[in-house]
Amino acid sequence: MTDEALKDINQFLTFTLGKEIFALDIGTVREVLELTSITKIPRTPEFMRGVINLRGHAVPVVDMRMKLGMSKGEDTVDTCIIIVEIEFDGEFTVMGALVDSVREVFEMTPDTIEPAPKMGAAINAEYIKGMGRQNEQFIIIIDINKIFSADELAMAKEMAGLGGGAEQAPAEEALAATPA
């Protein structure tokens, strides 16, 4: 493969919600964690599961099934939290995405990704970047930067203790590796 062709390969982390396969651009993923204790925050939307302690920082966790309008699932040994970095208006917010299971890192070239299907005006699918395919199964590629509203991201910052006038710590600091 030529160097130019290699630049056009996109890597995605695939995960499941129910029987559906979804994917996130690997560039937005910081790490994958086993399910850990999640502290529920009162008076938050149903899709906000709460916060986890990630190396001394409170990180909000979103139940992706609930956020995407699916029924609430049961937590299992395969349930994972994908730590993602979301950009909105030039700022970055670190969040956890609770998923049923993480599958693999999958490579797709742009010519193998179809545009998101048109669902009509009643359904907002702007967070779908496109549709990939693995064997005979569709992979729904999510644009994590478009799935949350400005209000939801502001709430996530507050949940992390970064709102209310406090300075936001850089994402790199929040996700700094634990010293060996």
N, C-alpha and C. Protein backbone atom coordinates (compact mmCIF):
# COMPACT_ATOMS: atom_id res chain seq x y z
N MET A 1 0.85 -1.18 0.00
CA MET A 1 0.00 0.00 0.00
C MET A 1 0.88 1.24 0.00
N THR A 2 0.49 2.24 -0.75
CA THR A 2 1.29 3.47 -0.81
C THR A 2 1.06 4.30 0.46
N ASP A 3 1.99 5.24 0.70
CA ASP A 3 1.84 6.13 1.86
C ASP A 3 0.56 6.92 1.77
N GLU A 4 0.19 7.35 0.55
CA GLU A 4 -1.04 8.13 0.37
C GLU A 4 -2.27 7.29 0.72
N ALA A 5 -2.27 6.03 0.33
CA ALA A 5 -3.40 5.15 0.63
C ALA A 5 -3.49 4.90 2.13
N LEU A 6 -2.35 4.80 2.81
CA LEU A 6 -2.36 4.58 4.25
C LEU A 6 -2.97 5.76 4.99
N LYS A 7 -2.78 6.98 4.48
CA LYS A 7 -3.35 8.17 5.13
C LYS A 7 -4.87 8.16 5.08
N ASP A 8 -5.44 7.46 4.09
CA ASP A 8 -6.89 7.44 3.92
C ASP A 8 -7.58 6.34 4.72
N ILE A 9 -6.80 5.56 5.48
CA ILE A 9 -7.41 4.52 6.30
C ILE A 9 -7.79 5.14 7.64
N ASN A 10 -9.04 4.93 8.02
CA ASN A 10 -9.52 5.42 9.30
C ASN A 10 -9.67 4.25 10.25
N GLN A 11 -9.27 4.46 11.50
CA GLN A 11 -9.42 3.42 12.51
C GLN A 11 -10.57 3.79 13.43
N PHE A 12 -11.38 2.79 13.74
CA PHE A 12 -12.55 2.98 14.58
C PHE A 12 -12.56 1.92 15.67
N LEU A 13 -13.01 2.32 16.87
CA LEU A 13 -13.23 1.37 17.94
C LEU A 13 -14.69 0.93 17.83
N THR A 14 -14.90 -0.37 17.64
CA THR A 14 -16.27 -0.86 17.50
C THR A 14 -16.77 -1.36 18.85
N PHE A 15 -18.06 -1.15 19.08
CA PHE A 15 -18.70 -1.58 20.32
C PHE A 15 -20.14 -1.94 20.04
N THR A 16 -20.76 -2.63 21.00
CA THR A 16 -22.14 -3.04 20.80
C THR A 16 -23.07 -2.36 21.79
N LEU A 17 -24.27 -2.13 21.31
CA LEU A 17 -25.41 -1.71 22.12
C LEU A 17 -26.54 -2.61 21.66
N GLY A 18 -26.96 -3.54 22.51
CA GLY A 18 -27.93 -4.53 22.08
C GLY A 18 -27.29 -5.39 21.00
N LYS A 19 -28.00 -5.56 19.89
CA LYS A 19 -27.47 -6.37 18.79
C LYS A 19 -26.80 -5.53 17.71
N GLU A 20 -26.80 -4.22 17.91
CA GLU A 20 -26.23 -3.31 16.91
C GLU A 20 -24.75 -3.05 17.18
N ILE A 21 -24.00 -2.84 16.10
CA ILE A 21 -22.58 -2.51 16.21
C ILE A 21 -22.41 -1.03 15.87
N PHE A 22 -21.70 -0.33 16.73
CA PHE A 22 -21.41 1.08 16.55
C PHE A 22 -19.90 1.26 16.52
N ALA A 23 -19.46 2.43 16.08
CA ALA A 23 -18.03 2.71 16.05
C ALA A 23 -17.77 4.17 16.35
N LEU A 24 -16.63 4.41 16.98
CA LEU A 24 -16.13 5.76 17.25
C LEU A 24 -14.77 5.90 16.59
N ASP A 25 -14.50 7.08 16.06
CA ASP A 25 -13.17 7.36 15.52
C ASP A 25 -12.16 7.17 16.66
N ILE A 26 -11.14 6.39 16.41
CA ILE A 26 -10.17 6.06 17.46
C ILE A 26 -9.47 7.32 18.00
N GLY A 27 -9.45 8.39 17.22
CA GLY A 27 -8.83 9.64 17.66
C GLY A 27 -9.57 10.30 18.82
N THR A 28 -10.84 9.95 19.03
CA THR A 28 -11.60 10.55 20.14
C THR A 28 -11.55 9.68 21.39
N VAL A 29 -11.04 8.45 21.25
CA VAL A 29 -11.01 7.50 22.36
C VAL A 29 -9.69 7.62 23.11
N ARG A 30 -9.78 7.75 24.45
CA ARG A 30 -8.58 7.84 25.28
C ARG A 30 -8.23 6.50 25.91
N GLU A 31 -9.23 5.77 26.37
CA GLU A 31 -8.99 4.45 26.96
C GLU A 31 -10.32 3.73 27.14
N VAL A 32 -10.23 2.44 27.42
CA VAL A 32 -11.40 1.61 27.69
C VAL A 32 -11.23 1.02 29.09
N LEU A 33 -12.27 1.17 29.90
CA LEU A 33 -12.23 0.68 31.28
C LEU A 33 -13.27 -0.41 31.50
N GLU A 34 -12.96 -1.33 32.40
CA GLU A 34 -13.97 -2.28 32.85
C GLU A 34 -14.99 -1.47 33.63
N LEU A 35 -16.20 -2.02 33.74
CA LEU A 35 -17.23 -1.34 34.51
C LEU A 35 -16.78 -1.20 35.95
N THR A 36 -16.92 -0.01 36.48
CA THR A 36 -16.52 0.30 37.84
C THR A 36 -17.70 0.96 38.54
N SER A 37 -17.53 1.28 39.78
CA SER A 37 -18.60 1.91 40.56
C SER A 37 -18.91 3.30 39.99
N ILE A 38 -20.20 3.53 39.70
CA ILE A 38 -20.65 4.81 39.17
C ILE A 38 -21.52 5.47 40.23
N THR A 39 -21.17 6.70 40.60
CA THR A 39 -21.93 7.45 41.59
C THR A 39 -23.01 8.25 40.89
N LYS A 40 -24.27 7.95 41.18
CA LYS A 40 -25.40 8.65 40.56
C LYS A 40 -25.49 10.07 41.10
N ILE A 41 -25.73 11.02 40.22
CA ILE A 41 -25.92 12.42 40.60
C ILE A 41 -27.42 12.71 40.52
N PRO A 42 -28.02 13.17 41.62
CA PRO A 42 -29.47 13.44 41.60
C PRO A 42 -29.84 14.53 40.59
N ARG A 43 -31.08 14.44 40.11
CA ARG A 43 -31.67 15.43 39.22
C ARG A 43 -30.91 15.62 37.91
N THR A 44 -30.41 14.52 37.38
CA THR A 44 -29.78 14.54 36.06
C THR A 44 -30.63 13.69 35.13
N PRO A 45 -30.52 13.90 33.82
CA PRO A 45 -31.31 13.09 32.88
C PRO A 45 -31.01 11.59 33.05
N GLU A 46 -31.95 10.77 32.64
CA GLU A 46 -31.84 9.32 32.78
C GLU A 46 -30.57 8.77 32.11
N PHE A 47 -30.17 9.37 30.96
CA PHE A 47 -29.00 8.84 30.25
C PHE A 47 -27.68 9.15 30.96
N MET A 48 -27.69 10.10 31.92
CA MET A 48 -26.48 10.40 32.70
C MET A 48 -26.42 9.41 33.86
N ARG A 49 -25.55 8.42 33.74
CA ARG A 49 -25.47 7.40 34.79
C ARG A 49 -24.84 7.93 36.07
N GLY A 50 -23.96 8.94 35.96
CA GLY A 50 -23.29 9.49 37.13
C GLY A 50 -21.85 9.81 36.81
N VAL A 51 -20.98 9.68 37.83
CA VAL A 51 -19.56 9.96 37.64
C VAL A 51 -18.74 8.80 38.18
N ILE A 52 -17.54 8.66 37.59
CA ILE A 52 -16.56 7.68 38.09
C ILE A 52 -15.32 8.46 38.50
N ASN A 53 -14.51 7.84 39.33
CA ASN A 53 -13.24 8.41 39.74
C ASN A 53 -12.18 7.86 38.79
N LEU A 54 -11.60 8.74 38.00
CA LEU A 54 -10.54 8.35 37.07
C LEU A 54 -9.27 9.07 37.49
N ARG A 55 -8.43 8.36 38.22
CA ARG A 55 -7.17 8.90 38.71
C ARG A 55 -7.35 10.24 39.42
N GLY A 56 -8.35 10.29 40.30
CA GLY A 56 -8.57 11.47 41.12
C GLY A 56 -9.47 12.52 40.51
N HIS A 57 -9.96 12.30 39.32
CA HIS A 57 -10.84 13.25 38.64
C HIS A 57 -12.22 12.62 38.46
N ALA A 58 -13.26 13.40 38.70
CA ALA A 58 -14.63 12.94 38.45
C ALA A 58 -14.91 13.03 36.96
N VAL A 59 -15.28 11.91 36.36
CA VAL A 59 -15.58 11.87 34.93
C VAL A 59 -17.03 11.43 34.77
N PRO A 60 -17.87 12.28 34.12
CA PRO A 60 -19.26 11.90 33.91
C PRO A 60 -19.38 10.71 32.96
N VAL A 61 -20.37 9.85 33.23
CA VAL A 61 -20.60 8.66 32.41
C VAL A 61 -22.01 8.70 31.85
N VAL A 62 -22.10 8.51 30.53
CA VAL A 62 -23.37 8.51 29.81
C VAL A 62 -23.69 7.09 29.39
N ASP A 63 -24.91 6.66 29.65
CA ASP A 63 -25.39 5.36 29.17
C ASP A 63 -25.76 5.55 27.70
N MET A 64 -24.95 5.02 26.81
CA MET A 64 -25.15 5.24 25.38
C MET A 64 -26.46 4.63 24.88
N ARG A 65 -26.90 3.53 25.48
CA ARG A 65 -28.20 2.96 25.08
C ARG A 65 -29.30 3.98 25.31
N MET A 66 -29.31 4.58 26.50
CA MET A 66 -30.36 5.55 26.85
C MET A 66 -30.22 6.81 25.99
N LYS A 67 -29.00 7.27 25.78
CA LYS A 67 -28.77 8.49 25.00
C LYS A 67 -29.28 8.33 23.57
N LEU A 68 -29.16 7.13 23.04
CA LEU A 68 -29.59 6.88 21.66
C LEU A 68 -31.03 6.40 21.56
N GLY A 69 -31.77 6.47 22.69
CA GLY A 69 -33.19 6.13 22.65
C GLY A 69 -33.48 4.64 22.70
N MET A 70 -32.52 3.83 23.09
CA MET A 70 -32.73 2.39 23.21
C MET A 70 -33.19 2.08 24.63
N SER A 71 -33.66 0.86 24.83
CA SER A 71 -34.08 0.47 26.18
C SER A 71 -32.84 0.29 27.06
N LYS A 72 -33.03 0.51 28.36
CA LYS A 72 -31.93 0.35 29.30
C LYS A 72 -31.52 -1.12 29.34
N GLY A 73 -30.22 -1.36 29.31
CA GLY A 73 -29.72 -2.73 29.34
C GLY A 73 -29.22 -3.10 30.72
N GLU A 74 -29.00 -4.36 30.92
CA GLU A 74 -28.43 -4.84 32.18
C GLU A 74 -26.91 -4.81 32.07
N ASP A 75 -26.25 -4.39 33.15
CA ASP A 75 -24.80 -4.43 33.18
C ASP A 75 -24.34 -5.88 33.27
N THR A 76 -23.32 -6.24 32.49
CA THR A 76 -22.78 -7.60 32.48
C THR A 76 -21.27 -7.53 32.64
N VAL A 77 -20.61 -8.68 32.61
CA VAL A 77 -19.16 -8.71 32.69
C VAL A 77 -18.52 -8.06 31.47
N ASP A 78 -19.26 -7.95 30.36
CA ASP A 78 -18.74 -7.34 29.14
C ASP A 78 -18.95 -5.83 29.09
N THR A 79 -19.79 -5.29 29.97
CA THR A 79 -20.08 -3.85 29.96
C THR A 79 -18.79 -3.07 30.21
N CYS A 80 -18.55 -2.05 29.40
CA CYS A 80 -17.33 -1.25 29.48
C CYS A 80 -17.67 0.24 29.48
N ILE A 81 -16.70 1.02 29.89
CA ILE A 81 -16.79 2.48 29.80
C ILE A 81 -15.68 2.93 28.86
N ILE A 82 -16.07 3.56 27.77
CA ILE A 82 -15.10 4.11 26.83
C ILE A 82 -14.88 5.56 27.23
N ILE A 83 -13.65 5.92 27.56
CA ILE A 83 -13.33 7.30 27.91
C ILE A 83 -13.03 8.04 26.60
N VAL A 84 -13.84 9.07 26.35
CA VAL A 84 -13.72 9.85 25.11
C VAL A 84 -13.44 11.31 25.44
N GLU A 85 -12.87 12.00 24.46
CA GLU A 85 -12.64 13.43 24.57
C GLU A 85 -13.50 14.09 23.50
N ILE A 86 -14.42 14.95 23.96
CA ILE A 86 -15.38 15.58 23.06
C ILE A 86 -15.02 17.04 22.89
N GLU A 87 -14.98 17.49 21.62
CA GLU A 87 -14.69 18.89 21.34
C GLU A 87 -15.98 19.62 21.01
N PHE A 88 -16.17 20.77 21.68
CA PHE A 88 -17.33 21.60 21.40
C PHE A 88 -16.92 23.05 21.59
N ASP A 89 -17.09 23.86 20.56
CA ASP A 89 -16.71 25.28 20.60
C ASP A 89 -15.27 25.47 21.06
N GLY A 90 -14.37 24.64 20.57
CA GLY A 90 -12.95 24.79 20.87
C GLY A 90 -12.53 24.30 22.24
N GLU A 91 -13.45 23.78 23.04
CA GLU A 91 -13.11 23.25 24.35
C GLU A 91 -13.28 21.73 24.33
N PHE A 92 -12.50 21.07 25.18
CA PHE A 92 -12.57 19.62 25.27
C PHE A 92 -13.18 19.20 26.59
N THR A 93 -14.04 18.20 26.54
CA THR A 93 -14.66 17.63 27.73
C THR A 93 -14.39 16.13 27.72
N VAL A 94 -13.94 15.60 28.84
CA VAL A 94 -13.69 14.17 28.97
C VAL A 94 -14.94 13.53 29.56
N MET A 95 -15.42 12.48 28.90
CA MET A 95 -16.62 11.78 29.36
C MET A 95 -16.43 10.29 29.20
N GLY A 96 -17.25 9.53 29.93
CA GLY A 96 -17.28 8.09 29.77
C GLY A 96 -18.55 7.69 29.04
N ALA A 97 -18.41 6.76 28.11
CA ALA A 97 -19.56 6.24 27.36
C ALA A 97 -19.75 4.78 27.76
N LEU A 98 -20.86 4.50 28.45
CA LEU A 98 -21.15 3.14 28.90
C LEU A 98 -21.74 2.36 27.73
N VAL A 99 -21.10 1.24 27.38
CA VAL A 99 -21.55 0.41 26.26
C VAL A 99 -21.66 -1.05 26.71
N ASP A 100 -22.41 -1.84 25.95
CA ASP A 100 -22.62 -3.25 26.30
C ASP A 100 -21.33 -4.06 26.22
N SER A 101 -20.53 -3.82 25.17
CA SER A 101 -19.24 -4.49 25.04
C SER A 101 -18.40 -3.76 24.01
N VAL A 102 -17.09 -3.89 24.14
CA VAL A 102 -16.16 -3.35 23.16
C VAL A 102 -15.67 -4.52 22.33
N ARG A 103 -15.62 -4.31 21.01
CA ARG A 103 -15.25 -5.42 20.12
C ARG A 103 -13.78 -5.35 19.72
N GLU A 104 -13.45 -4.38 18.86
CA GLU A 104 -12.10 -4.33 18.30
C GLU A 104 -11.86 -2.98 17.64
N VAL A 105 -10.59 -2.73 17.31
CA VAL A 105 -10.26 -1.59 16.46
C VAL A 105 -10.35 -2.10 15.03
N PHE A 106 -11.11 -1.38 14.22
CA PHE A 106 -11.43 -1.82 12.87
C PHE A 106 -11.01 -0.72 11.90
N GLU A 107 -10.35 -1.08 10.82
CA GLU A 107 -9.92 -0.10 9.82
C GLU A 107 -10.89 -0.08 8.65
N MET A 108 -11.22 1.15 8.22
CA MET A 108 -12.07 1.32 7.04
C MET A 108 -11.52 2.45 6.20
N THR A 109 -11.55 2.27 4.90
CA THR A 109 -11.16 3.34 4.00
C THR A 109 -12.40 4.18 3.69
N PRO A 110 -12.21 5.47 3.38
CA PRO A 110 -13.37 6.33 3.12
C PRO A 110 -14.33 5.78 2.06
N ASP A 111 -13.81 5.06 1.05
CA ASP A 111 -14.69 4.54 0.00
C ASP A 111 -15.57 3.38 0.47
N THR A 112 -15.29 2.83 1.65
CA THR A 112 -16.13 1.76 2.18
C THR A 112 -17.16 2.27 3.17
N ILE A 113 -17.16 3.58 3.42
CA ILE A 113 -18.11 4.18 4.36
C ILE A 113 -19.19 4.90 3.56
N GLU A 114 -20.43 4.48 3.76
CA GLU A 114 -21.56 5.11 3.07
C GLU A 114 -22.06 6.28 3.91
N PRO A 115 -22.66 7.30 3.26
CA PRO A 115 -23.23 8.40 4.04
C PRO A 115 -24.36 7.91 4.93
N ALA A 116 -24.63 8.66 5.98
CA ALA A 116 -25.73 8.31 6.88
C ALA A 116 -27.03 8.31 6.10
N PRO A 117 -27.90 7.35 6.35
CA PRO A 117 -29.17 7.31 5.63
C PRO A 117 -30.05 8.50 6.01
N LYS A 118 -30.84 8.96 5.07
CA LYS A 118 -31.79 10.05 5.33
C LYS A 118 -32.99 9.44 6.04
N MET A 119 -33.30 9.97 7.23
CA MET A 119 -34.37 9.40 8.03
C MET A 119 -35.60 10.28 8.08
N GLY A 120 -35.57 11.40 7.41
CA GLY A 120 -36.70 12.33 7.47
C GLY A 120 -36.46 13.40 8.51
N ALA A 121 -37.22 14.45 8.47
CA ALA A 121 -37.03 15.60 9.34
C ALA A 121 -37.33 15.29 10.80
N ALA A 122 -38.16 14.29 11.08
CA ALA A 122 -38.56 13.99 12.45
C ALA A 122 -37.45 13.32 13.26
N ILE A 123 -36.47 12.74 12.59
CA ILE A 123 -35.40 12.02 13.28
C ILE A 123 -34.09 12.76 13.08
N ASN A 124 -33.45 13.14 14.18
CA ASN A 124 -32.16 13.82 14.11
C ASN A 124 -31.05 12.78 14.09
N ALA A 125 -30.45 12.58 12.94
CA ALA A 125 -29.38 11.60 12.81
C ALA A 125 -28.06 12.28 12.44
N GLU A 126 -27.92 13.57 12.79
CA GLU A 126 -26.70 14.28 12.41
C GLU A 126 -25.47 13.75 13.15
N TYR A 127 -25.67 13.00 14.24
CA TYR A 127 -24.56 12.42 14.97
C TYR A 127 -24.03 11.15 14.29
N ILE A 128 -24.72 10.67 13.25
CA ILE A 128 -24.24 9.50 12.51
C ILE A 128 -23.33 10.00 11.39
N LYS A 129 -22.05 9.62 11.49
CA LYS A 129 -21.04 10.03 10.51
C LYS A 129 -21.19 9.25 9.21
N GLY A 130 -21.61 8.01 9.35
CA GLY A 130 -21.76 7.17 8.17
C GLY A 130 -22.02 5.74 8.58
N MET A 131 -22.10 4.89 7.57
CA MET A 131 -22.38 3.46 7.79
C MET A 131 -21.23 2.66 7.15
N GLY A 132 -20.61 1.86 7.98
CA GLY A 132 -19.58 0.95 7.47
C GLY A 132 -20.16 -0.44 7.41
N ARG A 133 -19.32 -1.39 7.00
CA ARG A 133 -19.78 -2.76 6.91
C ARG A 133 -18.63 -3.69 7.31
N GLN A 134 -18.99 -4.67 8.10
CA GLN A 134 -18.04 -5.72 8.47
C GLN A 134 -18.73 -7.03 8.16
N ASN A 135 -18.19 -7.74 7.18
CA ASN A 135 -18.84 -8.93 6.64
C ASN A 135 -20.23 -8.51 6.15
N GLU A 136 -21.30 -9.08 6.69
CA GLU A 136 -22.64 -8.70 6.25
C GLU A 136 -23.36 -7.79 7.23
N GLN A 137 -22.65 -7.30 8.24
CA GLN A 137 -23.28 -6.50 9.28
C GLN A 137 -22.92 -5.03 9.12
N PHE A 138 -23.91 -4.15 9.30
CA PHE A 138 -23.65 -2.72 9.25
C PHE A 138 -23.01 -2.25 10.56
N ILE A 139 -22.14 -1.26 10.44
CA ILE A 139 -21.54 -0.60 11.59
C ILE A 139 -21.96 0.86 11.52
N ILE A 140 -22.62 1.34 12.57
CA ILE A 140 -23.06 2.73 12.61
C ILE A 140 -21.94 3.56 13.21
N ILE A 141 -21.37 4.45 12.40
CA ILE A 141 -20.24 5.27 12.85
C ILE A 141 -20.79 6.55 13.46
N ILE A 142 -20.47 6.75 14.74
CA ILE A 142 -20.99 7.89 15.50
C ILE A 142 -19.96 9.01 15.54
N ASP A 143 -20.43 10.24 15.35
CA ASP A 143 -19.59 11.43 15.55
C ASP A 143 -19.83 11.88 16.99
N ILE A 144 -18.93 11.53 17.89
CA ILE A 144 -19.12 11.80 19.31
C ILE A 144 -19.20 13.30 19.59
N ASN A 145 -18.64 14.12 18.70
CA ASN A 145 -18.68 15.57 18.89
C ASN A 145 -20.06 16.16 18.59
N LYS A 146 -20.96 15.38 17.99
CA LYS A 146 -22.29 15.90 17.63
C LYS A 146 -23.43 15.24 18.38
N ILE A 147 -23.12 14.31 19.25
CA ILE A 147 -24.19 13.55 19.91
C ILE A 147 -24.77 14.29 21.12
N PHE A 148 -23.99 15.22 21.70
CA PHE A 148 -24.44 15.94 22.88
C PHE A 148 -24.72 17.40 22.55
N SER A 149 -25.74 17.96 23.20
CA SER A 149 -26.05 19.38 23.03
C SER A 149 -25.11 20.20 23.90
N ALA A 150 -25.09 21.49 23.67
CA ALA A 150 -24.27 22.40 24.48
C ALA A 150 -24.69 22.32 25.94
N ASP A 151 -26.00 22.22 26.21
CA ASP A 151 -26.50 22.12 27.58
C ASP A 151 -26.03 20.83 28.25
N GLU A 152 -26.05 19.73 27.49
CA GLU A 152 -25.61 18.45 28.05
C GLU A 152 -24.13 18.47 28.38
N LEU A 153 -23.32 19.09 27.51
CA LEU A 153 -21.89 19.18 27.78
C LEU A 153 -21.62 20.10 28.96
N ALA A 154 -22.39 21.18 29.10
CA ALA A 154 -22.24 22.07 30.26
C ALA A 154 -22.56 21.31 31.53
N MET A 155 -23.62 20.48 31.49
CA MET A 155 -23.99 19.68 32.65
C MET A 155 -22.88 18.68 32.98
N ALA A 156 -22.27 18.08 31.95
CA ALA A 156 -21.18 17.13 32.18
C ALA A 156 -20.00 17.81 32.86
N LYS A 157 -19.70 19.03 32.44
CA LYS A 157 -18.61 19.78 33.08
C LYS A 157 -18.92 20.04 34.54
N GLU A 158 -20.16 20.40 34.82
CA GLU A 158 -20.56 20.64 36.21
C GLU A 158 -20.46 19.36 37.02
N MET A 159 -20.89 18.25 36.44
CA MET A 159 -20.82 16.96 37.14
C MET A 159 -19.37 16.60 37.46
N ALA A 160 -18.47 16.99 36.60
CA ALA A 160 -17.06 16.69 36.81
C ALA A 160 -16.41 17.67 37.78
N GLY A 161 -17.22 18.63 38.24
CA GLY A 161 -16.66 19.61 39.17
C GLY A 161 -15.85 20.69 38.47
N LEU A 162 -16.04 20.78 37.15
CA LEU A 162 -15.28 21.76 36.38
C LEU A 162 -16.09 23.00 36.07
N GLY A 163 -17.40 22.98 36.35
CA GLY A 163 -18.24 24.14 36.06
C GLY A 163 -18.29 25.06 37.26
N GLY A 164 -19.20 26.00 37.22
CA GLY A 164 -19.42 26.89 38.34
C GLY A 164 -18.26 27.79 38.65
N GLY A 165 -17.54 28.24 37.62
CA GLY A 165 -16.46 29.20 37.81
C GLY A 165 -15.10 28.56 38.02
N ALA A 166 -15.04 27.27 38.22
CA ALA A 166 -13.75 26.62 38.39
C ALA A 166 -13.06 26.52 37.04
N GLU A 167 -11.75 26.56 37.08
CA GLU A 167 -10.98 26.42 35.85
C GLU A 167 -11.05 24.98 35.37
N GLN A 168 -11.12 24.80 34.05
CA GLN A 168 -11.14 23.44 33.52
C GLN A 168 -9.71 22.95 33.39
N ALA A 169 -9.46 21.78 33.95
CA ALA A 169 -8.13 21.18 33.81
C ALA A 169 -7.99 20.68 32.38
N PRO A 170 -6.79 20.80 31.82
CA PRO A 170 -6.60 20.27 30.46
C PRO A 170 -6.89 18.78 30.43
N ALA A 171 -7.41 18.33 29.30
CA ALA A 171 -7.77 16.92 29.16
C ALA A 171 -6.56 16.02 29.40
N GLU A 172 -5.39 16.47 28.97
CA GLU A 172 -4.20 15.66 29.15
C GLU A 172 -3.93 15.44 30.64
N GLU A 173 -4.14 16.48 31.45
CA GLU A 173 -3.93 16.34 32.89
C GLU A 173 -4.94 15.38 33.48
N ALA A 174 -6.19 15.49 33.04
CA ALA A 174 -7.25 14.64 33.57
C ALA A 174 -7.01 13.19 33.23
N LEU A 175 -6.33 12.94 32.12
CA LEU A 175 -6.10 11.56 31.68
C LEU A 175 -4.65 11.14 31.78
N ALA A 176 -3.85 11.88 32.58
CA ALA A 176 -2.43 11.55 32.70
C ALA A 176 -2.29 10.13 33.20
N ALA A 177 -1.32 9.44 32.65
CA ALA A 177 -1.11 8.05 33.04
C ALA A 177 -0.69 7.96 34.51
N THR A 178 -1.13 6.91 35.15
CA THR A 178 -0.76 6.68 36.54
C THR A 178 0.74 6.38 36.58
N PRO A 179 1.49 7.01 37.49
CA PRO A 179 2.94 6.75 37.56
C PRO A 179 3.20 5.28 37.84
N ALA A 180 4.25 4.77 37.24
CA ALA A 180 4.59 3.35 37.41
C ALA A 180 5.23 3.10 38.76
